[in-house]
Amino acid sequence: MADEMIITLENVNKVYDNETVLHDIDFEVERGKFYTLLGPSGCGKTTILRLIAGFTEASGGEIRINNERVNEVPPNKRKVNTVFQDYALFPHMNVYDNVAFGLSLKKLPKNEIQEKVKNALKLVQLSGYEKREIREMSGGQQQRVAIARAIVNEPEVLLLDEPLSALDLKLRTDMQYELREIQQRLGITFIFVTHDQEEALAMSDWIFVMNKGHIVQSGTPVDIYDEPINRFVADFIGESNIVPGKMIEDYRVGFVGKEFECADAGITPGEKIEIVIRPEDLELTSVEKGKLIVKVDTQLFRGVHYEIIGYDEDGNEWMVHSTKKADIGSEVGLYFNAEDIHVMRLGETEEEFDARLESYDE
């Protein structure tokens, strides 16, 4: 398994001006997959990228690439390339010269440079743009030039620091598909930094969710979305209804003054917990059929569904995503299944959380 790991960070921390911005980061990246570091601004995700690239020096711990320690290895000696948020293209050079820049520094033969640049531009669908000036290109085209310049050097790892953040919504969505397709075609390991949870869910094989210098949860997009470890992850990854509750017994919980069947076990009876139900898992129904009753307060049309906000008799807010319309001020029932209830233990570590999930399979 060690041979499959192209990058490993072990107990890595980083201190700036006596402030610790990364806390004992353990991080493994498998060859040929698409990884995303996801979290709010200032959580440490770009710092991890800079540590891997060699632009920043770790205050402690070990960084390995291909199982070799690289803490003291300069950036130009590491087999990684970076695509920055502002693309960092040379405005006085045309597309060809931008893409060929790194190869020219290596003093490769002219015909070899031409072949490599041609192949890289073809890969990012910019064949024929060789002589185009950078200032004449759209944001999406510039982003593709930056990717071509990175991949032409044949890195083992491509680091991408929020490269889509400056694009408009439609172009950003298009580029998500293109980036994922490029990664799969090349088989290069991608490590992508973003604060956009939809972007992370759409593109990644594996997500590291970060907060305040810690990796708080890691897993596949489905794992992260369906089984958030705590309130921060549940709130940050999509919309969530979160209410306090209590574990009654295995497969039975209590919240909002009622008891419900659930799919969780292995938690101490009577233990205080938090309950998560996603808005799309709540079904609008009649008051008689509802497991919960709420009074509709607001309703917004979101294109593919209505976003409905209601309050139960205890004042808890409930968000519902439904194709059905509700009447503001009316009482409606909310129906959900046992498996739609996700139980979060207070203060549970990721190791404890993973062990609990594995016990369900057993």
Protein backbone atom coordinates (compact mmCIF):
# COMPACT_ATOMS: atom_id res chain seq x y z
CA MET A 1 0.00 0.00 0.00
CA ALA A 2 2.93 2.37 0.75
CA ASP A 3 4.01 2.25 -2.90
CA GLU A 4 0.56 3.52 -3.97
CA MET A 5 0.92 6.64 -1.79
CA ILE A 6 2.61 9.37 -3.79
CA ILE A 7 2.42 12.04 -1.06
CA THR A 8 2.46 11.64 2.72
CA LEU A 9 2.36 14.30 5.42
CA GLU A 10 3.08 12.96 8.90
CA ASN A 11 2.49 15.07 12.03
CA VAL A 12 3.06 18.24 9.98
CA ASN A 13 2.49 21.58 11.64
CA LYS A 14 3.11 25.16 10.60
CA VAL A 15 3.61 28.18 12.84
CA TYR A 16 3.47 31.81 11.66
CA ASP A 17 4.40 34.55 14.15
CA ASN A 18 3.84 32.26 17.14
CA GLU A 19 0.42 31.23 15.80
CA THR A 20 -0.08 27.58 14.80
CA VAL A 21 -2.01 27.48 11.51
CA LEU A 22 -1.65 23.73 10.92
CA HIS A 23 -1.95 21.18 13.74
CA ASP A 24 -0.26 17.78 13.36
CA ILE A 25 -1.59 17.07 9.87
CA ASP A 26 -1.61 13.40 8.78
CA PHE A 27 -2.39 13.24 5.09
CA GLU A 28 -1.95 10.50 2.49
CA VAL A 29 -2.51 10.84 -1.24
CA GLU A 30 -2.80 7.83 -3.52
CA ARG A 31 -1.35 7.92 -7.00
CA GLY A 32 -3.65 8.86 -9.89
CA LYS A 33 -6.67 10.19 -7.95
CA PHE A 34 -8.42 13.54 -7.57
CA TYR A 35 -8.18 14.93 -4.03
CA THR A 36 -9.75 18.10 -2.68
CA LEU A 37 -8.84 20.19 0.35
CA LEU A 38 -12.13 21.85 1.32
CA GLY A 39 -12.75 24.48 3.96
CA PRO A 40 -13.39 28.15 4.70
CA SER A 41 -10.82 30.89 4.14
CA GLY A 42 -7.96 30.73 6.63
CA CYS A 43 -8.42 27.06 7.53
CA GLY A 44 -4.94 26.03 6.27
CA LYS A 45 -5.75 24.32 2.97
CA THR A 46 -3.51 26.55 0.80
CA THR A 47 -0.73 26.21 3.39
CA ILE A 48 -0.79 22.43 2.86
CA LEU A 49 -0.55 22.97 -0.89
CA ARG A 50 2.45 25.30 -0.44
CA LEU A 51 4.14 22.79 1.86
CA ILE A 52 3.80 20.05 -0.76
CA ALA A 53 5.08 22.39 -3.50
CA GLY A 54 8.03 23.51 -1.38
CA PHE A 55 7.08 27.21 -1.32
CA THR A 56 6.65 27.05 2.46
CA GLU A 57 8.75 25.20 5.04
CA ALA A 58 7.08 23.03 7.66
CA SER A 59 7.63 23.92 11.31
CA GLY A 60 7.53 20.26 12.25
CA GLY A 61 6.73 16.81 10.90
CA GLU A 62 7.72 15.07 7.68
CA ILE A 63 6.66 15.49 4.04
CA ARG A 64 7.35 12.61 1.66
CA ILE A 65 6.92 12.35 -2.10
CA ASN A 66 7.32 8.86 -3.56
CA ASN A 67 8.30 7.78 -0.04
CA GLU A 68 11.31 10.14 0.03
CA ARG A 69 11.58 12.97 2.57
CA VAL A 70 11.42 16.31 0.76
CA ASN A 71 11.30 18.83 3.63
CA GLU A 72 14.58 20.42 2.50
CA VAL A 73 14.13 19.80 -1.25
CA PRO A 74 13.62 23.06 -3.24
CA PRO A 75 10.43 23.51 -5.34
CA ASN A 76 12.17 23.06 -8.70
CA LYS A 77 13.45 19.64 -7.62
CA ARG A 78 10.00 18.27 -6.71
CA LYS A 79 7.91 16.49 -9.34
CA VAL A 80 4.90 18.70 -8.73
CA ASN A 81 3.47 21.70 -10.58
CA THR A 82 1.05 24.36 -9.33
CA VAL A 83 -1.84 26.17 -11.02
CA PHE A 84 -2.48 29.36 -9.05
CA GLN A 85 -5.72 31.22 -8.45
CA ASP A 86 -4.62 34.10 -10.71
CA TYR A 87 -3.07 31.65 -13.25
CA ALA A 88 0.29 33.57 -13.08
CA LEU A 89 0.58 33.71 -16.88
CA PHE A 90 3.13 35.99 -18.55
CA PRO A 91 1.08 38.76 -20.23
CA HIS A 92 3.92 39.73 -22.59
CA MET A 93 4.11 36.18 -24.01
CA ASN A 94 1.67 34.44 -26.32
CA VAL A 95 0.06 31.09 -25.56
CA TYR A 96 2.87 29.01 -27.07
CA ASP A 97 5.62 30.83 -25.18
CA ASN A 98 3.71 30.59 -21.89
CA VAL A 99 3.25 26.84 -22.22
CA ALA A 100 6.83 26.30 -23.48
CA PHE A 101 8.44 28.42 -20.75
CA GLY A 102 9.37 25.61 -18.34
CA LEU A 103 10.62 23.38 -21.15
CA SER A 104 12.81 26.20 -22.49
CA LEU A 105 14.39 26.60 -19.05
CA LYS A 106 15.30 22.91 -19.20
CA LYS A 107 16.97 23.62 -22.58
CA LEU A 108 15.13 20.80 -24.35
CA PRO A 109 15.56 20.52 -28.15
CA LYS A 110 13.29 22.88 -30.08
CA ASN A 111 11.43 20.10 -31.93
CA GLU A 112 10.77 18.27 -28.65
CA ILE A 113 9.38 21.46 -27.08
CA GLN A 114 7.10 22.00 -30.09
CA GLU A 115 5.73 18.45 -29.87
CA LYS A 116 5.10 18.65 -26.13
CA VAL A 117 3.39 22.05 -26.38
CA LYS A 118 1.25 20.85 -29.27
CA ASN A 119 0.10 17.80 -27.27
CA ALA A 120 -0.59 19.85 -24.13
CA LEU A 121 -2.70 22.41 -26.00
CA LYS A 122 -4.62 19.64 -27.73
CA LEU A 123 -5.38 18.09 -24.35
CA VAL A 124 -6.92 21.34 -23.04
CA GLN A 125 -8.74 21.97 -26.36
CA LEU A 126 -6.64 24.98 -27.39
CA SER A 127 -5.10 23.67 -30.61
CA GLY A 128 -4.61 26.57 -33.01
CA TYR A 129 -4.27 29.16 -30.24
CA GLU A 130 -0.46 29.06 -30.16
CA LYS A 131 0.03 32.66 -31.36
CA ARG A 132 -2.91 34.14 -29.43
CA GLU A 133 -2.01 36.88 -26.93
CA ILE A 134 -2.97 36.18 -23.31
CA ARG A 135 -4.89 39.47 -22.99
CA GLU A 136 -7.10 38.39 -25.92
CA MET A 137 -8.30 35.24 -24.15
CA SER A 138 -11.30 34.67 -21.86
CA GLY A 139 -10.94 33.62 -18.24
CA GLY A 140 -11.69 29.99 -19.08
CA GLN A 141 -9.14 29.97 -21.90
CA GLN A 142 -6.48 31.49 -19.65
CA GLN A 143 -7.22 28.83 -17.06
CA ARG A 144 -6.65 26.14 -19.68
CA VAL A 145 -3.36 27.76 -20.72
CA ALA A 146 -2.24 27.61 -17.08
CA ILE A 147 -3.15 23.91 -16.91
CA ALA A 148 -1.33 23.22 -20.20
CA ARG A 149 1.78 24.99 -18.88
CA ALA A 150 1.66 22.81 -15.78
CA ILE A 151 1.02 19.43 -17.42
CA VAL A 152 3.55 19.96 -20.25
CA ASN A 153 6.27 19.37 -17.64
CA GLU A 154 4.77 15.93 -16.95
CA PRO A 155 4.45 16.33 -13.17
CA GLU A 156 3.48 13.39 -11.02
CA VAL A 157 1.24 15.70 -8.97
CA LEU A 158 -0.70 18.77 -10.08
CA LEU A 159 -1.60 21.24 -7.31
CA LEU A 160 -4.52 23.59 -8.04
CA ASP A 161 -5.11 26.54 -5.72
CA GLU A 162 -8.74 27.67 -6.24
CA PRO A 163 -8.19 28.02 -10.02
CA LEU A 164 -11.92 28.37 -10.80
CA SER A 165 -12.84 31.04 -8.26
CA ALA A 166 -12.56 33.98 -10.69
CA LEU A 167 -14.87 32.40 -13.31
CA ASP A 168 -18.60 32.97 -13.65
CA LEU A 169 -20.97 30.20 -12.58
CA LYS A 170 -21.61 28.67 -16.02
CA LEU A 171 -17.93 28.67 -17.00
CA ARG A 172 -16.90 27.34 -13.59
CA THR A 173 -19.29 24.41 -14.00
CA ASP A 174 -17.96 23.69 -17.50
CA MET A 175 -14.37 23.77 -16.24
CA GLN A 176 -15.20 21.31 -13.45
CA TYR A 177 -16.10 18.74 -16.10
CA GLU A 178 -13.01 19.58 -18.15
CA LEU A 179 -10.62 19.37 -15.20
CA ARG A 180 -12.02 16.02 -14.11
CA GLU A 181 -11.77 14.68 -17.66
CA ILE A 182 -8.15 15.88 -18.00
CA GLN A 183 -7.21 14.26 -14.70
CA GLN A 184 -8.76 10.93 -15.66
CA ARG A 185 -7.21 11.00 -19.13
CA LEU A 186 -3.70 11.77 -17.86
CA GLY A 187 -3.81 9.69 -14.69
CA ILE A 188 -1.95 12.47 -12.84
CA THR A 189 -2.64 12.96 -9.14
CA PHE A 190 -4.61 16.20 -8.65
CA ILE A 191 -4.78 18.05 -5.32
CA PHE A 192 -7.40 20.77 -5.57
CA VAL A 193 -8.05 23.56 -3.06
CA THR A 194 -11.51 25.14 -2.83
CA HIS A 195 -14.01 26.61 -0.38
CA ASP A 196 -16.89 25.62 -2.70
CA GLN A 197 -18.55 22.45 -1.38
CA GLU A 198 -20.49 21.80 -4.59
CA GLU A 199 -17.23 21.93 -6.55
CA ALA A 200 -15.62 19.46 -4.16
CA LEU A 201 -18.55 17.03 -4.25
CA ALA A 202 -18.70 17.10 -8.06
CA MET A 203 -15.02 16.56 -8.85
CA SER A 204 -13.32 14.57 -6.12
CA ASP A 205 -12.41 10.96 -5.48
CA TRP A 206 -11.58 11.93 -1.90
CA ILE A 207 -12.18 15.06 0.19
CA PHE A 208 -10.31 16.42 3.21
CA VAL A 209 -12.57 18.82 5.13
CA MET A 210 -10.55 21.40 7.06
CA ASN A 211 -11.33 23.83 9.86
CA LYS A 212 -8.97 26.00 11.92
CA GLY A 213 -5.83 24.15 10.85
CA HIS A 214 -7.22 20.65 11.42
CA ILE A 215 -8.48 17.97 9.04
CA VAL A 216 -11.82 17.30 10.71
CA GLN A 217 -13.08 14.60 8.33
CA SER A 218 -11.93 12.80 5.20
CA GLY A 219 -13.73 10.44 2.85
CA THR A 220 -15.48 10.07 -0.47
CA PRO A 221 -17.97 12.79 -1.45
CA VAL A 222 -20.87 10.43 -0.65
CA ASP A 223 -19.39 9.56 2.76
CA ILE A 224 -18.85 13.20 3.68
CA TYR A 225 -22.32 14.26 2.58
CA ASP A 226 -24.28 11.32 4.02
CA GLU A 227 -22.30 10.86 7.24
CA PRO A 228 -20.94 14.22 8.51
CA ILE A 229 -18.94 13.81 11.69
CA ASN A 230 -20.02 17.02 13.41
CA ARG A 231 -22.05 20.21 13.13
CA PHE A 232 -19.31 22.07 11.23
CA VAL A 233 -19.12 19.44 8.46
CA ALA A 234 -22.90 19.03 8.29
CA ASP A 235 -23.35 22.80 7.92
CA PHE A 236 -20.43 23.31 5.53
CA ILE A 237 -21.29 20.44 3.19
CA GLY A 238 -24.75 21.27 1.92
CA GLU A 239 -27.85 22.38 3.81
CA SER A 240 -28.75 20.65 7.05
CA ASN A 241 -31.45 20.56 9.70
CA ILE A 242 -29.66 20.06 13.02
CA VAL A 243 -31.49 19.64 16.34
CA PRO A 244 -30.41 18.37 19.78
CA GLY A 245 -31.45 14.85 20.70
CA LYS A 246 -30.87 11.85 22.94
CA MET A 247 -30.03 8.23 22.20
CA ILE A 248 -32.83 6.08 23.60
CA GLU A 249 -31.33 2.72 22.66
CA ASP A 250 -29.81 1.08 19.60
CA TYR A 251 -31.76 2.17 16.50
CA ARG A 252 -33.97 4.55 18.47
CA VAL A 253 -33.51 8.27 19.15
CA GLY A 254 -35.45 11.07 20.74
CA PHE A 255 -35.73 14.65 19.54
CA VAL A 256 -38.37 17.45 19.50
CA GLY A 257 -40.17 15.60 22.31
CA LYS A 258 -40.77 12.39 20.31
CA GLU A 259 -39.06 9.07 19.69
CA PHE A 260 -38.11 7.78 16.23
CA GLU A 261 -36.50 4.72 14.70
CA CYS A 262 -33.04 5.38 13.22
CA ALA A 263 -30.17 3.44 11.63
CA ASP A 264 -27.53 4.14 14.33
CA ALA A 265 -26.32 1.92 17.14
CA GLY A 266 -23.39 1.51 19.53
CA ILE A 267 -24.11 4.76 21.39
CA THR A 268 -24.72 4.87 25.14
CA PRO A 269 -28.46 5.02 25.99
CA GLY A 270 -29.30 8.47 27.35
CA GLU A 271 -26.28 10.08 25.68
CA LYS A 272 -26.83 13.60 24.32
CA ILE A 273 -26.45 13.73 20.54
CA GLU A 274 -27.23 15.96 17.58
CA ILE A 275 -29.63 14.92 14.83
CA VAL A 276 -29.13 15.81 11.17
CA ILE A 277 -31.81 15.47 8.48
CA ARG A 278 -31.06 16.86 5.02
CA PRO A 279 -33.76 19.12 3.48
CA GLU A 280 -34.19 16.84 0.45
CA ASP A 281 -34.96 13.89 2.79
CA LEU A 282 -38.02 15.62 4.24
CA GLU A 283 -41.29 14.97 2.40
CA LEU A 284 -44.19 17.41 2.60
CA THR A 285 -47.35 15.62 3.59
CA SER A 286 -50.59 16.14 5.49
CA VAL A 287 -50.58 16.96 9.18
CA GLU A 288 -52.13 13.53 9.87
CA LYS A 289 -49.36 11.62 8.06
CA GLY A 290 -46.42 13.74 9.20
CA LYS A 291 -43.90 12.59 11.79
CA LEU A 292 -43.32 16.28 12.50
CA ILE A 293 -45.70 19.22 12.16
CA VAL A 294 -44.39 22.64 11.16
CA LYS A 295 -45.90 26.01 10.35
CA VAL A 296 -44.67 27.32 6.99
CA ASP A 297 -42.87 30.65 7.39
CA THR A 298 -41.16 31.36 4.04
CA GLN A 299 -40.86 29.80 0.60
CA LEU A 300 -38.40 30.46 -2.23
CA PHE A 301 -38.41 28.95 -5.72
CA ARG A 302 -34.90 27.61 -6.51
CA GLY A 303 -35.52 26.38 -10.06
CA VAL A 304 -35.50 22.62 -9.49
CA HIS A 305 -37.31 22.79 -6.14
CA TYR A 306 -38.99 25.03 -3.60
CA GLU A 307 -36.99 25.88 -0.48
CA ILE A 308 -39.49 25.96 2.36
CA ILE A 309 -38.76 27.12 5.92
CA GLY A 310 -41.07 26.06 8.73
CA TYR A 311 -41.01 25.98 12.53
CA ASP A 312 -42.20 23.27 14.89
CA GLU A 313 -44.01 24.01 18.17
CA ASP A 314 -40.66 24.12 20.04
CA GLY A 315 -39.33 26.81 17.71
CA ASN A 316 -36.91 24.56 15.79
CA GLU A 317 -36.36 25.68 12.20
CA TRP A 318 -36.83 23.07 9.44
CA MET A 319 -35.75 23.54 5.83
CA VAL A 320 -37.46 21.41 3.18
CA HIS A 321 -36.52 21.00 -0.48
CA SER A 322 -39.63 19.92 -2.35
CA THR A 323 -41.14 20.02 -5.82
CA LYS A 324 -44.46 20.67 -4.07
CA LYS A 325 -45.55 24.18 -3.17
CA ALA A 326 -46.73 25.06 0.33
CA ASP A 327 -48.98 27.85 1.60
CA ILE A 328 -47.24 30.36 3.85
CA GLY A 329 -48.84 30.36 7.29
CA SER A 330 -50.30 26.85 6.91
CA GLU A 331 -49.42 23.79 8.96
CA VAL A 332 -47.92 20.83 7.10
CA GLY A 333 -46.57 17.43 8.01
CA LEU A 334 -42.99 16.32 7.42
CA TYR A 335 -42.30 12.65 6.74
CA PHE A 336 -38.88 10.95 6.76
CA ASN A 337 -37.48 7.42 6.95
CA ALA A 338 -35.31 5.93 9.69
CA GLU A 339 -32.22 5.97 7.44
CA ASP A 340 -32.71 9.71 6.79
CA ILE A 341 -31.82 10.44 10.42
CA HIS A 342 -28.07 10.89 10.93
CA VAL A 343 -26.79 10.81 14.50
CA MET A 344 -23.74 12.89 15.49
CA ARG A 345 -22.02 12.29 18.83
CA LEU A 346 -20.68 15.35 20.63
CA GLY A 347 -16.86 15.55 20.45
CA GLU A 348 -16.42 12.28 18.54
CA THR A 349 -13.02 11.93 16.83
CA GLU A 350 -12.72 10.73 13.24
CA GLU A 351 -11.12 7.48 14.44
CA GLU A 352 -14.03 6.80 16.82
CA PHE A 353 -16.52 7.78 14.11
CA ASP A 354 -14.94 5.43 11.54
CA ALA A 355 -14.89 2.57 14.06
CA ARG A 356 -18.58 3.11 14.80
CA LEU A 357 -19.49 3.01 11.10
CA GLU A 358 -17.42 -0.15 10.59
CA SER A 359 -19.27 -1.81 13.48
CA TYR A 360 -22.56 -1.32 11.59
CA ASP A 361 -21.18 -3.29 8.63
CA GLU A 362 -20.05 -6.06 10.94
